[in-house]
Amino acid sequence: METAALVAEIPEADAADQQNSSTSAPFATASLSLASALPTAHFFQQPKISSLFSVQPAKARIPTQASSLAYLFLSSAALCPSPSRISFKTTISANPLRRPLTLGPRRPLDPNSAAGLRKCTIVLFRADLRVHDNECLNAANEDSMSVLPVFCFDPRDYGKSPSRGFDRRGPFQASFTLESVADLRKNLRSRGSDLVVRVGRPEEVLPEMAKAVGADAVYVHREVSKDAVKAEERNEAAMKEEGVEVKYFWGSTLFHVDDLPFKIEDMPVNYGGFREKVQGLEVRKTIAVLDQLKGLPKRGDIELGELPSLASLGVNTIAQEVKDTPMMGGETEALRRIKKFSAECQQQPNKRTNGNIYGTDFSCKIAPWLTHGCISPRAVFDELKKIASSAISAAVKPNNGSDGGSNWLMHQLLWRDFFRFITKKYSLPVSAPTTVGARALA
């Protein structure tokens, strides 16, 4: 099947479970209407501008317990501090009853003011190795005085599986990951930031790093697989002990999970049903990359760390020596490839889907970058819109037998979305059935 090209790029342990919509401030977006799942003319309508990014106010969570509310009312009425004595310090506590409640001000309109901002936010990169269309990174820079980007090479993802005996991650994929992380570090440095690299378990690395720099929160993109869900649960438990918030974002699919016209648990189990449901659904606007990022925290004097070697990760390097492929990992290479594809499409607008630059050939070549998050599906979609507006829409006529190539790639992106969402559906935690004891029945 031609569609298997992009489907195959989704690893079993590629990503994680649920989107925490209550803590993720959605970005204002411009989107493109998808009136039909196949015709090119419907895929590439002009996007609707909804609104610009808006500054989100900091929120104070007030416990609903009566005793806490009474304490808050009496203390505020009795003390009545003058404006000069109001504390702007954020209080983070797993149990609000054990610490006095501190109300922070609304986030100021002036971005140069530090009032209402977090002291430091850790951005944990996983399968989102890019600076473009990265809501997690942009939100951390908007919310915080300093940002600490981190990538962990988890030893559990490399070497041989003790139970199955095969390599968890082969030399080609491991090499691609190393190249992608190196390119991410370069792109962060060019914008005034950097990347901290560690070899270790994230649930052990992150708490120590948070204590060292005084981090208020960890920002991270959610993924979809069961293994990723377990990893997130471990990270959450470790950070909860330190009183550090974990805030999730979504950025691995063409359609945002919050925009789907159904709940994940009610998602159609076949592609045809999914495609019918998402017809007319708008694609959110790609988030622009920031020209300048917040600097690293001054506290803690964190060492950046060096990229590990394949051998140190337990990867078989003998097979890697025979590598003969032009594929280079990283965001820079991913963007170059999609722009080259766009240019070739415009030069040959009537090329059929089985040609060199269309169909499975190109979808196979872009798949590794999508898997590692070096390029976002929405960034690919943006290039498809350019093709449609400049060449394809004028050259492709109804019933002429030509799919236009760009429409084929759009079809592949929809397949990819289907498999990621269906993986998320079956990665949801299953509640244990309710049982009634014998004594309760007596």
Protein backbone atom coordinates (compact mmCIF):
# COMPACT_ATOMS: atom_id res chain seq x y z
CA MET A 1 0.00 0.00 0.00
CA GLU A 2 1.38 3.40 -0.94
CA THR A 3 0.10 4.95 2.24
CA ALA A 4 2.28 2.62 4.31
CA ALA A 5 5.27 4.89 3.70
CA LEU A 6 4.30 7.53 6.18
CA VAL A 7 2.50 5.07 8.44
CA ALA A 8 5.68 3.05 8.89
CA GLU A 9 7.51 6.01 10.34
CA ILE A 10 5.44 5.95 13.50
CA PRO A 11 7.40 3.85 16.02
CA GLU A 12 5.63 1.79 18.62
CA ALA A 13 7.15 3.83 21.43
CA ASP A 14 7.18 7.12 19.54
CA ALA A 15 5.10 9.21 21.91
CA ALA A 16 2.56 9.75 24.71
CA ASP A 17 -0.95 9.83 25.91
CA GLN A 18 -3.26 12.65 26.75
CA GLN A 19 -3.34 16.39 26.15
CA ASN A 20 -3.80 18.33 29.36
CA SER A 21 -6.12 20.95 27.93
CA SER A 22 -6.72 22.54 31.33
CA THR A 23 -3.10 23.64 31.63
CA SER A 24 -2.26 24.30 28.03
CA ALA A 25 -3.07 27.83 26.97
CA PRO A 26 -4.17 27.41 23.34
CA PHE A 27 -2.49 29.69 20.86
CA ALA A 28 -4.61 31.84 18.58
CA THR A 29 -4.38 30.35 15.16
CA ALA A 30 -5.10 30.85 11.53
CA SER A 31 -6.33 27.76 9.84
CA LEU A 32 -7.23 26.21 6.56
CA SER A 33 -10.63 24.68 5.90
CA LEU A 34 -10.60 21.07 4.85
CA ALA A 35 -13.88 20.69 2.98
CA SER A 36 -13.00 17.34 1.41
CA ALA A 37 -10.53 14.63 2.20
CA LEU A 38 -9.31 14.14 -1.36
CA PRO A 39 -9.89 16.98 -3.88
CA THR A 40 -6.98 19.40 -3.97
CA ALA A 41 -9.18 22.43 -4.43
CA HIS A 42 -10.83 21.79 -1.11
CA PHE A 43 -7.64 21.05 0.78
CA PHE A 44 -6.11 24.38 -0.06
CA GLN A 45 -8.69 27.03 0.69
CA GLN A 46 -7.49 30.33 2.08
CA PRO A 47 -6.99 30.23 5.86
CA LYS A 48 -9.21 32.22 8.17
CA ILE A 49 -7.49 34.61 10.51
CA SER A 50 -9.02 34.25 13.96
CA SER A 51 -6.87 36.34 16.29
CA LEU A 52 -3.31 37.20 17.19
CA PHE A 53 -1.43 35.70 20.07
CA SER A 54 -2.71 37.22 23.28
CA VAL A 55 -1.00 37.60 26.58
CA GLN A 56 -2.38 35.12 29.07
CA PRO A 57 -2.83 36.22 32.68
CA ALA A 58 -1.24 34.28 35.46
CA LYS A 59 -3.88 32.39 37.39
CA ALA A 60 -4.05 31.77 41.11
CA ARG A 61 -5.70 28.54 42.19
CA ILE A 62 -7.84 29.12 45.25
CA PRO A 63 -8.67 25.96 47.22
CA THR A 64 -12.34 25.26 47.52
CA GLN A 65 -12.10 24.02 51.10
CA ALA A 66 -14.09 26.22 53.44
CA SER A 67 -11.28 26.45 55.96
CA SER A 68 -8.87 27.77 53.36
CA LEU A 69 -11.36 30.28 52.02
CA ALA A 70 -12.05 31.52 55.53
CA TYR A 71 -8.34 31.88 56.17
CA LEU A 72 -7.90 33.81 52.95
CA PHE A 73 -10.83 36.15 53.75
CA LEU A 74 -9.80 36.85 57.35
CA SER A 75 -6.13 37.33 56.58
CA SER A 76 -6.79 39.68 53.67
CA ALA A 77 -9.29 41.71 55.69
CA ALA A 78 -7.09 41.96 58.75
CA LEU A 79 -3.73 42.65 57.19
CA CYS A 80 -4.72 44.90 54.25
CA PRO A 81 -1.14 45.33 53.04
CA SER A 82 -0.20 48.45 51.21
CA PRO A 83 0.58 48.15 47.49
CA SER A 84 4.27 48.45 48.20
CA ARG A 85 4.15 45.34 50.40
CA ILE A 86 2.23 43.04 48.07
CA SER A 87 4.28 39.94 47.26
CA PHE A 88 4.69 39.02 43.60
CA LYS A 89 6.42 35.76 44.41
CA THR A 90 4.79 32.65 43.00
CA THR A 91 4.03 29.95 45.54
CA ILE A 92 4.02 26.40 44.16
CA SER A 93 2.76 23.68 46.47
CA ALA A 94 1.34 20.24 45.89
CA ASN A 95 -1.02 20.87 48.83
CA PRO A 96 -2.35 24.46 48.99
CA LEU A 97 -3.53 23.93 52.56
CA ARG A 98 0.03 23.56 53.86
CA ARG A 99 1.31 26.88 52.62
CA PRO A 100 -0.16 30.38 52.67
CA LEU A 101 -1.84 31.32 49.42
CA THR A 102 0.01 33.99 47.48
CA LEU A 103 -1.93 35.81 44.80
CA GLY A 104 0.18 36.92 41.85
CA PRO A 105 -0.77 39.84 39.62
CA ARG A 106 -2.08 39.51 36.11
CA ARG A 107 0.65 39.16 33.55
CA PRO A 108 1.65 42.67 32.42
CA LEU A 109 1.16 43.92 28.91
CA ASP A 110 4.75 45.06 28.90
CA PRO A 111 6.84 41.98 28.01
CA ASN A 112 9.92 43.63 29.51
CA SER A 113 8.37 43.58 32.96
CA ALA A 114 9.28 40.55 35.08
CA ALA A 115 6.14 40.68 37.23
CA GLY A 116 3.94 37.61 36.87
CA LEU A 117 6.57 35.55 35.00
CA ARG A 118 8.00 32.23 36.08
CA LYS A 119 11.57 32.34 37.32
CA CYS A 120 12.70 29.45 35.14
CA THR A 121 11.03 26.84 32.94
CA ILE A 122 12.61 23.62 31.74
CA VAL A 123 11.65 22.67 28.17
CA LEU A 124 12.03 18.92 27.73
CA PHE A 125 12.58 18.00 24.08
CA ARG A 126 11.59 14.52 22.98
CA ALA A 127 10.10 13.91 19.52
CA ASP A 128 9.91 17.64 18.74
CA LEU A 129 13.48 18.45 17.76
CA ARG A 130 12.79 21.82 16.14
CA VAL A 131 12.45 25.51 16.94
CA HIS A 132 9.75 26.26 14.32
CA ASP A 133 6.09 25.54 15.05
CA ASN A 134 7.00 24.66 18.64
CA GLU A 135 4.26 25.83 21.00
CA CYS A 136 6.05 24.35 23.98
CA LEU A 137 9.23 26.38 23.39
CA ASN A 138 7.38 29.59 22.54
CA ALA A 139 5.12 29.34 25.59
CA ALA A 140 8.08 28.85 27.91
CA ASN A 141 9.74 31.96 26.49
CA GLU A 142 6.55 33.94 26.94
CA ASP A 143 5.91 32.72 30.48
CA SER A 144 9.39 32.75 31.99
CA MET A 145 12.33 34.96 32.85
CA SER A 146 14.74 32.20 31.82
CA VAL A 147 14.37 28.94 29.89
CA LEU A 148 16.43 25.76 30.12
CA PRO A 149 16.07 23.48 27.04
CA VAL A 150 16.95 19.86 27.85
CA PHE A 151 17.27 16.60 25.94
CA CYS A 152 17.83 13.25 27.66
CA PHE A 153 19.24 10.18 25.97
CA ASP A 154 17.39 7.56 27.99
CA PRO A 155 19.54 4.39 28.23
CA ARG A 156 16.33 2.33 28.16
CA ASP A 157 15.83 3.40 24.53
CA TYR A 158 19.17 1.99 23.36
CA GLY A 159 21.08 -1.28 23.44
CA LYS A 160 19.54 -4.72 23.25
CA SER A 161 16.22 -5.57 24.79
CA PRO A 162 16.88 -8.14 27.56
CA SER A 163 13.55 -9.86 26.95
CA ARG A 164 13.52 -9.88 23.14
CA GLY A 165 17.20 -9.80 22.24
CA PHE A 166 17.10 -7.21 19.46
CA ASP A 167 18.32 -3.62 19.35
CA ARG A 168 15.80 -1.18 20.73
CA ARG A 169 17.12 1.45 18.36
CA GLY A 170 19.33 0.55 15.42
CA PRO A 171 22.51 2.39 14.40
CA PHE A 172 20.85 4.35 11.61
CA GLN A 173 18.03 5.66 13.79
CA ALA A 174 20.40 6.38 16.67
CA SER A 175 22.76 8.26 14.34
CA PHE A 176 19.81 10.21 12.93
CA THR A 177 18.76 11.17 16.47
CA LEU A 178 22.26 12.38 17.34
CA GLU A 179 22.38 14.51 14.20
CA SER A 180 18.95 15.96 14.96
CA VAL A 181 19.89 16.86 18.53
CA ALA A 182 23.12 18.48 17.32
CA ASP A 183 21.17 20.56 14.79
CA LEU A 184 18.65 21.57 17.47
CA ARG A 185 21.48 22.80 19.69
CA LYS A 186 22.88 24.83 16.79
CA ASN A 187 19.51 26.44 16.08
CA LEU A 188 18.96 27.27 19.75
CA ARG A 189 22.41 28.83 20.03
CA SER A 190 21.78 31.03 17.01
CA ARG A 191 18.82 32.51 18.91
CA GLY A 192 20.57 33.21 22.18
CA SER A 193 19.79 29.93 23.96
CA ASP A 194 21.41 26.50 24.17
CA LEU A 195 20.62 22.85 24.78
CA VAL A 196 21.54 20.84 27.87
CA VAL A 197 22.25 17.21 26.95
CA ARG A 198 22.23 14.37 29.43
CA VAL A 199 22.47 10.58 29.27
CA GLY A 200 20.13 9.27 31.93
CA ARG A 201 16.58 8.62 32.96
CA PRO A 202 14.48 11.79 32.71
CA GLU A 203 12.69 11.11 36.00
CA GLU A 204 16.09 11.23 37.69
CA VAL A 205 17.71 14.00 35.64
CA LEU A 206 14.86 16.53 35.72
CA PRO A 207 14.34 16.79 39.51
CA GLU A 208 18.03 17.40 40.13
CA MET A 209 18.17 19.97 37.36
CA ALA A 210 15.03 21.70 38.63
CA LYS A 211 16.50 22.00 42.12
CA ALA A 212 19.78 23.33 40.76
CA VAL A 213 18.24 26.14 38.70
CA GLY A 214 15.12 26.77 40.79
CA ALA A 215 12.74 25.81 37.98
CA ASP A 216 9.02 26.47 38.44
CA ALA A 217 7.76 24.14 35.72
CA VAL A 218 8.61 21.62 33.02
CA TYR A 219 7.03 22.21 29.59
CA VAL A 220 6.82 19.22 27.27
CA HIS A 221 4.89 17.98 24.24
CA ARG A 222 2.63 14.99 24.72
CA GLU A 223 3.06 11.89 22.61
CA VAL A 224 0.78 8.92 21.98
CA SER A 225 2.24 5.49 22.77
CA LYS A 226 1.85 3.44 25.94
CA ASP A 227 5.59 3.54 26.62
CA ALA A 228 5.52 7.33 26.40
CA VAL A 229 2.52 7.46 28.73
CA LYS A 230 4.43 5.46 31.32
CA ALA A 231 7.43 7.76 30.91
CA GLU A 232 5.23 10.81 31.48
CA GLU A 233 3.74 9.26 34.59
CA ARG A 234 7.22 8.66 35.99
CA ASN A 235 8.26 12.23 35.22
CA GLU A 236 5.10 13.67 36.78
CA ALA A 237 5.57 11.67 39.97
CA ALA A 238 9.20 12.77 40.28
CA MET A 239 8.43 16.45 39.67
CA LYS A 240 5.44 16.41 42.02
CA GLU A 241 7.76 15.52 44.88
CA GLU A 242 9.74 18.67 44.10
CA GLY A 243 6.60 20.83 43.81
CA VAL A 244 7.32 21.53 40.13
CA GLU A 245 4.45 21.75 37.65
CA VAL A 246 4.49 19.66 34.46
CA LYS A 247 2.64 21.40 31.64
CA TYR A 248 1.79 19.59 28.41
CA PHE A 249 1.35 20.78 24.83
CA TRP A 250 0.31 19.16 21.55
CA GLY A 251 2.22 19.48 18.30
CA SER A 252 2.76 16.14 16.55
CA THR A 253 -0.24 16.03 14.19
CA LEU A 254 -1.76 18.08 11.39
CA PHE A 255 -5.00 18.57 13.30
CA HIS A 256 -4.80 19.66 16.93
CA VAL A 257 -6.25 17.12 19.33
CA ASP A 258 -8.45 19.81 20.91
CA ASP A 259 -10.01 20.60 17.51
CA LEU A 260 -11.23 17.09 16.72
CA PRO A 261 -15.03 16.85 16.40
CA PHE A 262 -15.07 13.81 18.70
CA LYS A 263 -13.51 12.59 21.92
CA ILE A 264 -10.48 10.38 21.45
CA GLU A 265 -12.24 7.45 23.08
CA ASP A 266 -15.08 7.84 20.54
CA MET A 267 -12.78 8.08 17.53
CA PRO A 268 -13.73 5.94 14.48
CA VAL A 269 -11.59 2.82 14.28
CA ASN A 270 -11.24 2.92 10.47
CA TYR A 271 -9.59 5.51 8.27
CA GLY A 272 -12.67 6.15 6.15
CA GLY A 273 -14.73 7.07 9.20
CA PHE A 274 -11.96 9.30 10.52
CA ARG A 275 -11.56 11.07 7.18
CA GLU A 276 -15.27 11.75 7.00
CA LYS A 277 -15.30 13.20 10.51
CA VAL A 278 -12.44 15.64 9.88
CA GLN A 279 -13.77 16.97 6.58
CA GLY A 280 -14.08 20.73 6.88
CA LEU A 281 -11.86 20.83 9.96
CA GLU A 282 -9.48 23.76 10.06
CA VAL A 283 -5.73 23.33 10.35
CA ARG A 284 -4.19 25.64 12.91
CA LYS A 285 -1.66 28.17 11.75
CA THR A 286 2.00 27.27 12.02
CA ILE A 287 3.60 28.96 15.02
CA ALA A 288 6.36 31.32 13.94
CA VAL A 289 9.85 30.71 15.22
CA LEU A 290 11.19 33.27 17.69
CA ASP A 291 14.19 35.27 16.51
CA GLN A 292 15.46 35.67 20.06
CA LEU A 293 14.98 33.22 22.92
CA LYS A 294 15.27 33.76 26.66
CA GLY A 295 18.69 33.00 28.08
CA LEU A 296 19.64 30.10 30.33
CA PRO A 297 19.18 30.53 34.10
CA LYS A 298 22.18 32.04 35.86
CA ARG A 299 21.57 30.00 38.98
CA GLY A 300 23.02 26.53 39.25
CA ASP A 301 25.85 26.82 36.71
CA ILE A 302 24.52 23.87 34.71
CA GLU A 303 27.00 22.18 32.37
CA LEU A 304 25.68 21.86 28.84
CA GLY A 305 27.03 18.36 28.32
CA GLU A 306 28.46 16.68 25.23
CA LEU A 307 26.61 14.53 22.72
CA PRO A 308 27.23 10.84 23.47
CA SER A 309 28.77 8.45 20.98
CA LEU A 310 26.89 5.51 19.52
CA ALA A 311 29.14 3.11 21.41
CA SER A 312 28.46 4.82 24.75
CA LEU A 313 24.74 4.38 24.11
CA GLY A 314 25.20 0.66 23.55
CA VAL A 315 24.48 0.84 19.82
CA ASN A 316 26.10 -1.63 17.44
CA THR A 317 28.48 0.57 15.45
CA ILE A 318 29.59 -2.15 13.02
CA ALA A 319 26.37 -1.88 11.03
CA GLN A 320 26.62 1.89 11.05
CA GLU A 321 29.96 1.77 9.23
CA VAL A 322 28.29 0.54 6.04
CA LYS A 323 25.84 3.42 6.10
CA ASP A 324 25.40 4.82 2.61
CA THR A 325 22.47 7.21 2.69
CA PRO A 326 22.15 10.93 1.96
CA MET A 327 19.74 11.34 4.88
CA MET A 328 21.00 13.82 7.45
CA GLY A 329 19.03 14.34 10.63
CA GLY A 330 17.91 17.73 11.85
CA GLU A 331 15.48 20.57 11.34
CA THR A 332 17.73 22.37 8.85
CA GLU A 333 17.79 19.39 6.49
CA ALA A 334 14.05 18.77 6.90
CA LEU A 335 13.14 22.32 5.89
CA ARG A 336 15.55 22.18 2.96
CA ARG A 337 13.95 18.98 1.68
CA ILE A 338 10.36 20.21 1.88
CA LYS A 339 11.26 23.47 0.12
CA LYS A 340 13.04 21.52 -2.60
CA PHE A 341 9.98 19.31 -2.99
CA SER A 342 7.78 22.40 -3.27
CA ALA A 343 9.99 23.88 -5.99
CA GLU A 344 10.00 20.63 -7.97
CA CYS A 345 6.22 20.39 -7.72
CA GLN A 346 5.83 23.88 -9.16
CA GLN A 347 8.17 23.04 -12.04
CA GLN A 348 6.24 19.85 -12.87
CA PRO A 349 2.65 20.49 -11.78
CA ASN A 350 1.16 17.68 -13.88
CA LYS A 351 3.48 14.99 -12.55
CA ARG A 352 1.52 11.93 -11.51
CA THR A 353 1.70 10.42 -8.05
CA ASN A 354 3.99 7.58 -9.07
CA GLY A 355 6.72 9.97 -10.25
CA ASN A 356 10.06 10.60 -8.64
CA ILE A 357 9.08 13.64 -6.61
CA TYR A 358 5.61 12.52 -5.53
CA GLY A 359 3.88 9.74 -3.71
CA THR A 360 5.59 7.05 -1.70
CA ASP A 361 9.07 8.09 -2.82
CA PHE A 362 8.91 11.48 -1.17
CA SER A 363 6.76 10.38 1.78
CA CYS A 364 9.44 7.81 2.67
CA LYS A 365 12.11 10.47 2.48
CA ILE A 366 10.31 12.96 4.75
CA ALA A 367 9.08 10.35 7.25
CA PRO A 368 12.20 10.20 9.50
CA TRP A 369 12.10 13.97 10.07
CA LEU A 370 8.41 13.82 10.95
CA THR A 371 9.10 10.96 13.36
CA HIS A 372 11.76 12.94 15.23
CA GLY A 373 9.77 16.16 15.07
CA CYS A 374 12.45 17.91 13.00
CA ILE A 375 9.58 19.28 10.92
CA SER A 376 5.94 19.61 11.89
CA PRO A 377 3.02 18.32 9.78
CA ARG A 378 1.68 21.88 9.69
CA ALA A 379 4.96 23.13 8.21
CA VAL A 380 4.64 20.51 5.46
CA PHE A 381 1.04 21.61 4.98
CA ASP A 382 2.16 25.23 4.58
CA GLU A 383 4.39 24.23 1.68
CA LEU A 384 1.51 22.31 0.11
CA LYS A 385 -0.60 25.47 0.25
CA LYS A 386 2.11 27.36 -1.62
CA ILE A 387 2.15 24.68 -4.30
CA ALA A 388 -1.63 24.79 -4.63
CA SER A 389 -1.81 28.56 -4.91
CA SER A 390 1.02 28.94 -7.42
CA ALA A 391 0.89 25.96 -9.75
CA ILE A 392 -1.16 22.93 -8.86
CA SER A 393 -4.52 24.66 -8.62
CA ALA A 394 -4.06 26.13 -12.09
CA ALA A 395 -2.72 22.99 -13.73
CA VAL A 396 -4.90 20.26 -12.25
CA LYS A 397 -8.41 20.15 -13.64
CA PRO A 398 -11.29 17.95 -12.47
CA ASN A 399 -11.35 14.38 -13.78
CA ASN A 400 -8.05 14.70 -15.63
CA GLY A 401 -6.59 11.72 -13.79
CA SER A 402 -3.85 13.74 -12.10
CA ASP A 403 -3.56 13.86 -8.36
CA GLY A 404 -1.08 16.70 -8.38
CA GLY A 405 1.37 15.11 -5.96
CA SER A 406 0.72 17.68 -3.28
CA ASN A 407 -2.75 16.25 -2.74
CA TRP A 408 -1.19 12.82 -2.41
CA LEU A 409 1.13 14.04 0.31
CA MET A 410 -1.82 15.64 2.06
CA HIS A 411 -3.51 12.26 1.94
CA GLN A 412 -0.42 10.78 3.60
CA LEU A 413 -0.55 13.38 6.38
CA LEU A 414 -4.17 12.42 7.06
CA TRP A 415 -3.17 8.76 7.30
CA ARG A 416 -0.43 9.72 9.72
CA ASP A 417 -2.89 11.66 11.87
CA PHE A 418 -5.26 8.70 11.89
CA PHE A 419 -2.63 6.29 13.15
CA ARG A 420 -1.34 8.67 15.81
CA PHE A 421 -4.82 9.40 17.14
CA ILE A 422 -5.83 5.74 17.07
CA THR A 423 -2.64 4.93 18.99
CA LYS A 424 -3.56 7.57 21.52
CA LYS A 425 -7.06 6.10 21.80
CA TYR A 426 -5.76 2.67 22.73
CA SER A 427 -3.07 4.12 25.00
CA LEU A 428 -5.64 5.74 27.27
CA PRO A 429 -5.56 4.35 30.81
CA VAL A 430 -8.23 1.73 31.34
CA SER A 431 -10.23 2.08 34.52
CA ALA A 432 -10.49 -1.07 36.59
CA PRO A 433 -14.01 -2.52 36.75
CA THR A 434 -15.93 -1.74 39.89
CA THR A 435 -16.25 -4.76 42.19
CA VAL A 436 -18.55 -5.23 45.15
CA GLY A 437 -17.37 -7.19 48.16
CA ALA A 438 -19.39 -10.05 49.63
CA ARG A 439 -20.02 -8.11 52.84
CA ALA A 440 -21.54 -5.24 50.89
CA LEU A 441 -24.08 -7.61 49.42
CA ALA A 442 -25.01 -9.05 52.80
